[in-house]
Amino acid sequence: MPIYAYRCSTCGVEKDVMQKMSADSLTTCPECKAETFVKQLTAPGFQLKGSGWYATDFKGGAKPQPKDAGSPAKDVTADSASTAKTEATPAPAAKPAAESTS
């Protein structure tokens, strides 16, 4: 059950009350008995910690496979870097074969 903060605008008394969300708001002040007891707008009493929530976290469907499950994952950046090096480096020139004239 949530805890709601109330304040009386007549006498200024403040009180936190635990009540169901479906329950009616309190209106009678417990101190002065005036009908000026109103619910206050307060900050939520919890914090979200961690890396965050994403739109894909709670949707159904296929879940992503871990990297080490099934076939080994291919590192695209390493492959493209090695391909670029081999294309940019010319192959060494072949030496002519020595002719034998004996």
N, C-alpha and C. Protein backbone atom coordinates (compact mmCIF):
# COMPACT_ATOMS: atom_id res chain seq x y z
N MET A 1 0.84 -1.18 0.00
CA MET A 1 0.00 0.00 0.00
C MET A 1 0.88 1.24 0.00
N PRO A 2 0.51 2.23 -0.77
CA PRO A 2 1.29 3.47 -0.81
C PRO A 2 1.06 4.34 0.42
N ILE A 3 2.02 5.20 0.67
CA ILE A 3 1.93 6.15 1.78
C ILE A 3 1.70 7.54 1.17
N TYR A 4 0.65 8.21 1.63
CA TYR A 4 0.31 9.54 1.13
C TYR A 4 0.59 10.58 2.20
N ALA A 5 1.07 11.73 1.76
CA ALA A 5 1.31 12.84 2.68
C ALA A 5 0.10 13.77 2.65
N TYR A 6 -0.40 14.13 3.82
CA TYR A 6 -1.53 15.05 3.96
C TYR A 6 -1.09 16.26 4.77
N ARG A 7 -1.78 17.38 4.52
CA ARG A 7 -1.50 18.61 5.27
C ARG A 7 -2.81 19.37 5.46
N CYS A 8 -2.98 19.89 6.66
CA CYS A 8 -4.16 20.70 6.95
C CYS A 8 -3.84 22.16 6.65
N SER A 9 -4.66 22.80 5.82
CA SER A 9 -4.41 24.20 5.47
C SER A 9 -4.87 25.16 6.57
N THR A 10 -5.62 24.67 7.55
CA THR A 10 -6.07 25.52 8.66
C THR A 10 -5.03 25.58 9.78
N CYS A 11 -4.65 24.42 10.32
CA CYS A 11 -3.72 24.40 11.46
C CYS A 11 -2.29 24.07 11.06
N GLY A 12 -2.06 23.58 9.84
CA GLY A 12 -0.72 23.30 9.35
C GLY A 12 -0.15 21.95 9.73
N VAL A 13 -0.91 21.09 10.37
CA VAL A 13 -0.41 19.77 10.75
C VAL A 13 -0.19 18.93 9.50
N GLU A 14 0.93 18.17 9.51
CA GLU A 14 1.25 17.29 8.38
C GLU A 14 1.28 15.86 8.89
N LYS A 15 0.79 14.92 8.05
CA LYS A 15 0.74 13.53 8.47
C LYS A 15 0.87 12.63 7.26
N ASP A 16 1.63 11.54 7.41
CA ASP A 16 1.73 10.51 6.37
C ASP A 16 0.76 9.40 6.71
N VAL A 17 -0.04 9.00 5.71
CA VAL A 17 -1.07 7.99 5.93
C VAL A 17 -0.90 6.88 4.91
N MET A 18 -0.86 5.62 5.40
CA MET A 18 -0.83 4.46 4.51
C MET A 18 -2.26 4.05 4.21
N GLN A 19 -2.61 4.08 2.93
CA GLN A 19 -3.97 3.68 2.55
C GLN A 19 -3.96 3.10 1.15
N LYS A 20 -5.00 2.35 0.84
CA LYS A 20 -5.13 1.74 -0.47
C LYS A 20 -5.28 2.81 -1.54
N MET A 21 -4.87 2.47 -2.75
CA MET A 21 -5.01 3.40 -3.86
C MET A 21 -6.48 3.65 -4.18
N SER A 22 -7.32 2.66 -3.93
CA SER A 22 -8.74 2.79 -4.24
C SER A 22 -9.52 3.52 -3.14
N ALA A 23 -8.88 3.77 -1.99
CA ALA A 23 -9.57 4.44 -0.88
C ALA A 23 -9.77 5.93 -1.17
N ASP A 24 -10.84 6.50 -0.63
CA ASP A 24 -11.11 7.92 -0.79
C ASP A 24 -10.09 8.74 0.00
N SER A 25 -9.77 9.93 -0.51
CA SER A 25 -8.84 10.82 0.19
C SER A 25 -9.44 11.29 1.50
N LEU A 26 -8.57 11.49 2.49
CA LEU A 26 -9.03 12.00 3.78
C LEU A 26 -9.29 13.50 3.65
N THR A 27 -10.30 14.01 4.35
CA THR A 27 -10.63 15.44 4.30
C THR A 27 -10.68 16.08 5.68
N THR A 28 -10.89 15.29 6.73
CA THR A 28 -11.01 15.83 8.08
C THR A 28 -9.66 15.77 8.79
N CYS A 29 -9.19 16.90 9.26
CA CYS A 29 -7.91 16.99 9.98
C CYS A 29 -8.02 16.27 11.33
N PRO A 30 -7.04 15.40 11.68
CA PRO A 30 -7.11 14.69 12.94
C PRO A 30 -6.86 15.60 14.16
N GLU A 31 -6.29 16.78 13.98
CA GLU A 31 -5.98 17.69 15.09
C GLU A 31 -7.11 18.70 15.35
N CYS A 32 -7.44 19.50 14.30
CA CYS A 32 -8.43 20.57 14.49
C CYS A 32 -9.83 20.20 14.01
N LYS A 33 -9.96 19.04 13.41
CA LYS A 33 -11.25 18.52 12.91
C LYS A 33 -11.87 19.37 11.80
N ALA A 34 -11.08 20.25 11.17
CA ALA A 34 -11.57 21.05 10.05
C ALA A 34 -11.56 20.19 8.78
N GLU A 35 -12.36 20.54 7.83
CA GLU A 35 -12.45 19.80 6.56
C GLU A 35 -11.44 20.35 5.55
N THR A 36 -10.23 20.67 5.99
CA THR A 36 -9.21 21.25 5.11
C THR A 36 -7.96 20.38 5.04
N PHE A 37 -8.10 19.08 5.24
CA PHE A 37 -7.00 18.12 5.18
C PHE A 37 -6.87 17.66 3.73
N VAL A 38 -5.77 18.02 3.07
CA VAL A 38 -5.63 17.72 1.64
C VAL A 38 -4.36 16.89 1.39
N LYS A 39 -4.45 16.07 0.35
CA LYS A 39 -3.32 15.23 -0.06
C LYS A 39 -2.27 16.10 -0.74
N GLN A 40 -1.00 15.88 -0.39
CA GLN A 40 0.11 16.64 -0.97
C GLN A 40 0.73 15.89 -2.14
N LEU A 41 1.31 16.63 -3.05
CA LEU A 41 2.04 16.04 -4.15
C LEU A 41 3.49 15.88 -3.69
N THR A 42 3.98 14.65 -3.64
CA THR A 42 5.33 14.39 -3.15
C THR A 42 6.12 13.59 -4.17
N ALA A 43 7.44 13.53 -3.97
CA ALA A 43 8.31 12.74 -4.84
C ALA A 43 8.11 11.26 -4.56
N PRO A 44 8.29 10.42 -5.56
CA PRO A 44 8.14 8.98 -5.32
C PRO A 44 9.21 8.46 -4.37
N GLY A 45 8.89 7.41 -3.65
CA GLY A 45 9.80 6.87 -2.66
C GLY A 45 10.65 5.73 -3.16
N PHE A 46 11.08 5.75 -4.41
CA PHE A 46 11.96 4.71 -4.92
C PHE A 46 12.92 5.31 -5.93
N GLN A 47 14.01 4.61 -6.20
CA GLN A 47 15.00 5.05 -7.17
C GLN A 47 15.24 3.92 -8.16
N LEU A 48 15.48 4.29 -9.41
CA LEU A 48 15.84 3.31 -10.43
C LEU A 48 17.35 3.32 -10.54
N LYS A 49 17.96 2.17 -10.35
CA LYS A 49 19.41 2.08 -10.44
C LYS A 49 19.78 1.07 -11.50
N GLY A 50 20.98 1.20 -12.01
CA GLY A 50 21.45 0.26 -13.02
C GLY A 50 21.64 0.95 -14.34
N SER A 51 21.74 0.17 -15.38
CA SER A 51 22.03 0.72 -16.70
C SER A 51 20.78 1.31 -17.37
N GLY A 52 19.59 1.03 -16.85
CA GLY A 52 18.38 1.62 -17.41
C GLY A 52 17.43 0.60 -17.98
N TRP A 53 16.30 1.06 -18.39
CA TRP A 53 15.28 0.21 -19.00
C TRP A 53 15.18 0.58 -20.46
N TYR A 54 14.98 -0.39 -21.28
CA TYR A 54 14.89 -0.16 -22.70
C TYR A 54 13.58 -0.74 -23.22
N ALA A 55 13.18 -0.30 -24.38
CA ALA A 55 11.92 -0.74 -24.98
C ALA A 55 11.93 -2.24 -25.23
N THR A 56 13.10 -2.82 -25.44
CA THR A 56 13.19 -4.25 -25.73
C THR A 56 13.23 -5.12 -24.49
N ASP A 57 13.34 -4.54 -23.30
CA ASP A 57 13.49 -5.33 -22.09
C ASP A 57 12.27 -6.18 -21.76
N PHE A 58 11.08 -5.71 -22.00
CA PHE A 58 9.89 -6.42 -21.56
C PHE A 58 8.99 -6.86 -22.70
N LYS A 59 9.48 -6.83 -23.91
CA LYS A 59 8.67 -7.27 -25.03
C LYS A 59 8.86 -8.76 -25.24
N GLY A 60 7.85 -9.42 -25.77
CA GLY A 60 7.95 -10.84 -26.06
C GLY A 60 8.74 -11.08 -27.33
N GLY A 61 8.85 -12.32 -27.71
CA GLY A 61 9.55 -12.64 -28.93
C GLY A 61 10.88 -13.31 -28.65
N ALA A 62 11.68 -13.42 -29.69
CA ALA A 62 12.97 -14.10 -29.58
C ALA A 62 13.92 -13.29 -28.72
N LYS A 63 14.63 -14.00 -27.88
CA LYS A 63 15.62 -13.35 -27.03
C LYS A 63 16.97 -13.47 -27.69
N PRO A 64 17.84 -12.46 -27.56
CA PRO A 64 19.15 -12.54 -28.19
C PRO A 64 20.00 -13.64 -27.55
N GLN A 65 20.77 -14.33 -28.37
CA GLN A 65 21.65 -15.39 -27.90
C GLN A 65 22.90 -14.78 -27.28
N PRO A 66 23.44 -15.38 -26.22
CA PRO A 66 24.70 -14.91 -25.67
C PRO A 66 25.82 -15.14 -26.68
N LYS A 67 26.89 -14.38 -26.60
CA LYS A 67 27.97 -14.48 -27.58
C LYS A 67 28.61 -15.86 -27.63
N ASP A 68 28.78 -16.51 -26.47
CA ASP A 68 29.48 -17.78 -26.46
C ASP A 68 28.56 -18.98 -26.66
N ALA A 69 27.30 -18.78 -26.94
CA ALA A 69 26.37 -19.88 -27.20
C ALA A 69 26.29 -20.14 -28.70
N GLY A 70 26.27 -21.40 -29.06
CA GLY A 70 26.14 -21.75 -30.47
C GLY A 70 27.44 -21.52 -31.22
N SER A 71 27.36 -20.97 -32.42
CA SER A 71 28.56 -20.73 -33.22
C SER A 71 29.32 -19.53 -32.68
N PRO A 72 30.63 -19.52 -32.87
CA PRO A 72 31.42 -18.39 -32.35
C PRO A 72 31.05 -17.11 -33.06
N ALA A 73 31.03 -16.03 -32.29
CA ALA A 73 30.67 -14.73 -32.86
C ALA A 73 31.81 -14.20 -33.71
N LYS A 74 31.49 -13.56 -34.79
CA LYS A 74 32.48 -13.03 -35.71
C LYS A 74 32.69 -11.56 -35.40
N ASP A 75 33.95 -11.16 -35.21
CA ASP A 75 34.28 -9.77 -34.91
C ASP A 75 34.40 -9.02 -36.23
N VAL A 76 33.39 -8.26 -36.58
CA VAL A 76 33.34 -7.58 -37.86
C VAL A 76 34.42 -6.51 -37.95
N THR A 77 34.68 -5.79 -36.89
CA THR A 77 35.66 -4.71 -36.94
C THR A 77 37.06 -5.25 -37.16
N ALA A 78 37.41 -6.38 -36.54
CA ALA A 78 38.74 -6.95 -36.73
C ALA A 78 38.89 -7.48 -38.15
N ASP A 79 37.85 -8.12 -38.70
CA ASP A 79 37.92 -8.65 -40.06
C ASP A 79 38.05 -7.54 -41.07
N SER A 80 37.31 -6.46 -40.92
CA SER A 80 37.38 -5.38 -41.89
C SER A 80 38.72 -4.66 -41.80
N ALA A 81 39.31 -4.58 -40.60
CA ALA A 81 40.61 -3.94 -40.45
C ALA A 81 41.69 -4.78 -41.10
N SER A 82 41.66 -6.10 -40.93
CA SER A 82 42.69 -6.95 -41.54
C SER A 82 42.51 -6.99 -43.05
N THR A 83 41.30 -6.94 -43.54
CA THR A 83 41.05 -6.91 -44.98
C THR A 83 41.58 -5.63 -45.58
N ALA A 84 41.38 -4.52 -44.89
CA ALA A 84 41.87 -3.23 -45.39
C ALA A 84 43.39 -3.22 -45.44
N LYS A 85 44.07 -3.84 -44.46
CA LYS A 85 45.53 -3.88 -44.45
C LYS A 85 46.06 -4.71 -45.61
N THR A 86 45.43 -5.85 -45.87
CA THR A 86 45.93 -6.71 -46.94
C THR A 86 45.69 -6.09 -48.31
N GLU A 87 44.64 -5.35 -48.46
CA GLU A 87 44.37 -4.70 -49.75
C GLU A 87 45.29 -3.51 -49.96
N ALA A 88 45.66 -2.82 -48.90
CA ALA A 88 46.50 -1.63 -49.04
C ALA A 88 47.97 -1.99 -49.20
N THR A 89 48.41 -3.14 -48.68
CA THR A 89 49.81 -3.54 -48.77
C THR A 89 50.00 -4.36 -50.04
N PRO A 90 50.90 -3.90 -50.95
CA PRO A 90 51.12 -4.69 -52.18
C PRO A 90 51.90 -5.96 -51.85
N ALA A 91 51.64 -6.99 -52.63
CA ALA A 91 52.34 -8.25 -52.45
C ALA A 91 53.79 -8.09 -52.89
N PRO A 92 54.74 -8.74 -52.22
CA PRO A 92 56.14 -8.62 -52.63
C PRO A 92 56.33 -9.19 -54.04
N ALA A 93 57.22 -8.54 -54.79
CA ALA A 93 57.46 -8.97 -56.16
C ALA A 93 58.20 -10.29 -56.16
N ALA A 94 57.83 -11.16 -57.07
CA ALA A 94 58.47 -12.47 -57.16
C ALA A 94 59.82 -12.33 -57.83
N LYS A 95 60.82 -13.01 -57.28
CA LYS A 95 62.16 -12.98 -57.86
C LYS A 95 62.20 -13.92 -59.05
N PRO A 96 62.87 -13.51 -60.10
CA PRO A 96 62.95 -14.42 -61.25
C PRO A 96 63.79 -15.65 -60.88
N ALA A 97 63.43 -16.76 -61.41
CA ALA A 97 64.16 -18.00 -61.15
C ALA A 97 65.53 -17.95 -61.83
N ALA A 98 66.52 -18.44 -61.16
CA ALA A 98 67.87 -18.43 -61.73
C ALA A 98 67.93 -19.46 -62.86
N GLU A 99 68.45 -19.01 -63.95
CA GLU A 99 68.55 -19.92 -65.09
C GLU A 99 69.85 -20.70 -65.00
N SER A 100 69.78 -21.94 -65.27
CA SER A 100 71.01 -22.73 -65.27
C SER A 100 71.45 -22.92 -66.73
N THR A 101 72.70 -22.60 -67.02
CA THR A 101 73.22 -22.69 -68.40
C THR A 101 74.34 -23.71 -68.47
N SER A 102 74.30 -24.74 -67.83
CA SER A 102 75.38 -25.69 -67.90
C SER A 102 75.18 -26.72 -68.92
